[in-house]
Amino acid sequence: MGERTVNVRPGDIGATMKGLAEVIHGRWDASADESYTARLLQGPEDKVLKKVTEEATEVALACKDQDHDHIRYEAADLVYHLLVCLERYGITVEELAGELDARHR
């Protein structure tokens, strides 16, 4: 696990996800030498797929430890890598929101 994040305050998940998705989308044109996100978008498909799986496992293990801050930290990593994966396959956050909305109506 990376270094624990300090001073975490509640935020607006919709605005945060949309903003992060926009940053990720903008990384298509970035240098893979300078941007981790660009490396995931432009590099071998398996790299981003393995990261999603790895981060999901780390969330589950943090939950088993019942460590609130660790769960939050790993969940953020998972969401980031999931958004990169969705971007790579052309699925927008609006499309994801539509899928989730359709399931609870």
Protein backbone atom coordinates (compact mmCIF):
# COMPACT_ATOMS: atom_id res chain seq x y z
CA MET A 1 0.00 0.00 0.00
CA GLY A 2 1.12 3.53 -0.67
CA GLU A 3 1.42 6.24 1.92
CA ARG A 4 -1.83 6.99 3.74
CA THR A 5 -3.69 10.04 2.51
CA VAL A 6 -4.11 12.74 5.15
CA ASN A 7 -6.81 15.37 5.56
CA VAL A 8 -9.38 13.49 3.46
CA ARG A 9 -12.71 15.33 3.41
CA PRO A 10 -16.04 14.32 1.91
CA GLY A 11 -16.46 15.31 -1.73
CA ASP A 12 -18.97 15.20 -4.58
CA ILE A 13 -18.54 11.78 -6.19
CA GLY A 14 -20.20 12.83 -9.44
CA ALA A 15 -17.97 15.86 -9.95
CA THR A 16 -14.90 13.93 -8.85
CA MET A 17 -15.55 11.02 -11.23
CA LYS A 18 -16.34 13.34 -14.13
CA GLY A 19 -13.22 15.42 -13.53
CA LEU A 20 -11.00 12.37 -13.19
CA ALA A 21 -12.50 10.84 -16.34
CA GLU A 22 -11.74 14.06 -18.23
CA VAL A 23 -8.12 14.03 -17.06
CA ILE A 24 -7.77 10.36 -18.04
CA HIS A 25 -9.30 11.05 -21.48
CA GLY A 26 -6.77 13.82 -22.00
CA ARG A 27 -3.87 11.43 -21.39
CA TRP A 28 -4.32 9.70 -24.77
CA ASP A 29 -2.03 12.31 -26.29
CA ALA A 30 0.45 12.40 -23.41
CA SER A 31 3.88 10.83 -23.57
CA ALA A 32 3.90 7.30 -22.20
CA ASP A 33 7.37 8.07 -20.86
CA GLU A 34 5.98 10.87 -18.69
CA SER A 35 2.46 9.69 -17.78
CA TYR A 36 1.47 6.50 -15.97
CA THR A 37 -2.08 6.92 -17.28
CA ALA A 38 -0.81 7.23 -20.86
CA ARG A 39 1.20 4.03 -20.39
CA LEU A 40 -1.97 2.22 -19.28
CA LEU A 41 -4.00 3.62 -22.17
CA GLN A 42 -1.40 3.10 -24.88
CA GLY A 43 0.43 0.04 -23.62
CA PRO A 44 -0.37 -3.65 -23.62
CA GLU A 45 -4.01 -4.41 -22.86
CA ASP A 46 -3.11 -6.87 -20.11
CA LYS A 47 -1.36 -4.18 -18.04
CA VAL A 48 -4.53 -2.20 -17.28
CA LEU A 49 -6.63 -5.37 -16.91
CA LYS A 50 -4.17 -6.78 -14.37
CA LYS A 51 -4.19 -3.49 -12.43
CA VAL A 52 -8.01 -3.57 -12.11
CA THR A 53 -7.82 -7.14 -10.81
CA GLU A 54 -4.94 -6.33 -8.45
CA GLU A 55 -6.69 -3.28 -7.00
CA ALA A 56 -9.97 -5.18 -6.53
CA THR A 57 -8.08 -7.81 -4.56
CA GLU A 58 -6.42 -5.13 -2.43
CA VAL A 59 -9.85 -3.64 -1.61
CA ALA A 60 -11.08 -7.07 -0.52
CA LEU A 61 -8.01 -7.65 1.66
CA ALA A 62 -8.34 -4.21 3.27
CA CYS A 63 -11.98 -5.04 4.03
CA LYS A 64 -10.90 -8.31 5.66
CA ASP A 65 -8.57 -6.25 7.87
CA GLN A 66 -11.47 -3.89 8.69
CA ASP A 67 -9.13 -0.93 8.19
CA HIS A 68 -11.31 2.04 7.21
CA ASP A 69 -8.53 4.27 5.85
CA HIS A 70 -6.90 1.42 3.96
CA ILE A 71 -10.24 0.42 2.38
CA ARG A 72 -10.79 4.02 1.23
CA TYR A 73 -7.25 4.25 -0.16
CA GLU A 74 -7.46 0.98 -2.09
CA ALA A 75 -10.98 1.77 -3.32
CA ALA A 76 -9.65 5.03 -4.80
CA ASP A 77 -6.93 3.06 -6.61
CA LEU A 78 -9.56 0.65 -7.93
CA VAL A 79 -11.85 3.43 -9.17
CA TYR A 80 -8.94 5.17 -10.91
CA HIS A 81 -7.81 1.99 -12.68
CA LEU A 82 -11.41 1.09 -13.55
CA LEU A 83 -11.89 4.54 -15.14
CA VAL A 84 -8.69 4.05 -17.15
CA CYS A 85 -9.98 0.66 -18.28
CA LEU A 86 -13.36 2.11 -19.28
CA GLU A 87 -11.64 4.94 -21.19
CA ARG A 88 -9.49 2.44 -23.04
CA TYR A 89 -12.62 0.61 -24.20
CA GLY A 90 -14.62 3.73 -25.04
CA ILE A 91 -17.10 3.67 -22.16
CA THR A 92 -17.85 7.11 -20.71
CA VAL A 93 -18.76 7.85 -17.11
CA GLU A 94 -22.13 9.07 -18.39
CA GLU A 95 -22.68 5.66 -19.99
CA LEU A 96 -21.67 3.98 -16.74
CA ALA A 97 -24.07 6.23 -14.82
CA GLY A 98 -26.85 5.31 -17.26
CA GLU A 99 -26.19 1.61 -16.67
CA LEU A 100 -26.31 2.07 -12.90
CA ASP A 101 -29.45 4.23 -13.12
CA ALA A 102 -31.21 1.62 -15.25
CA ARG A 103 -30.55 -1.05 -12.65
CA HIS A 104 -32.22 0.68 -9.73
CA ARG A 105 -35.37 1.93 -11.40
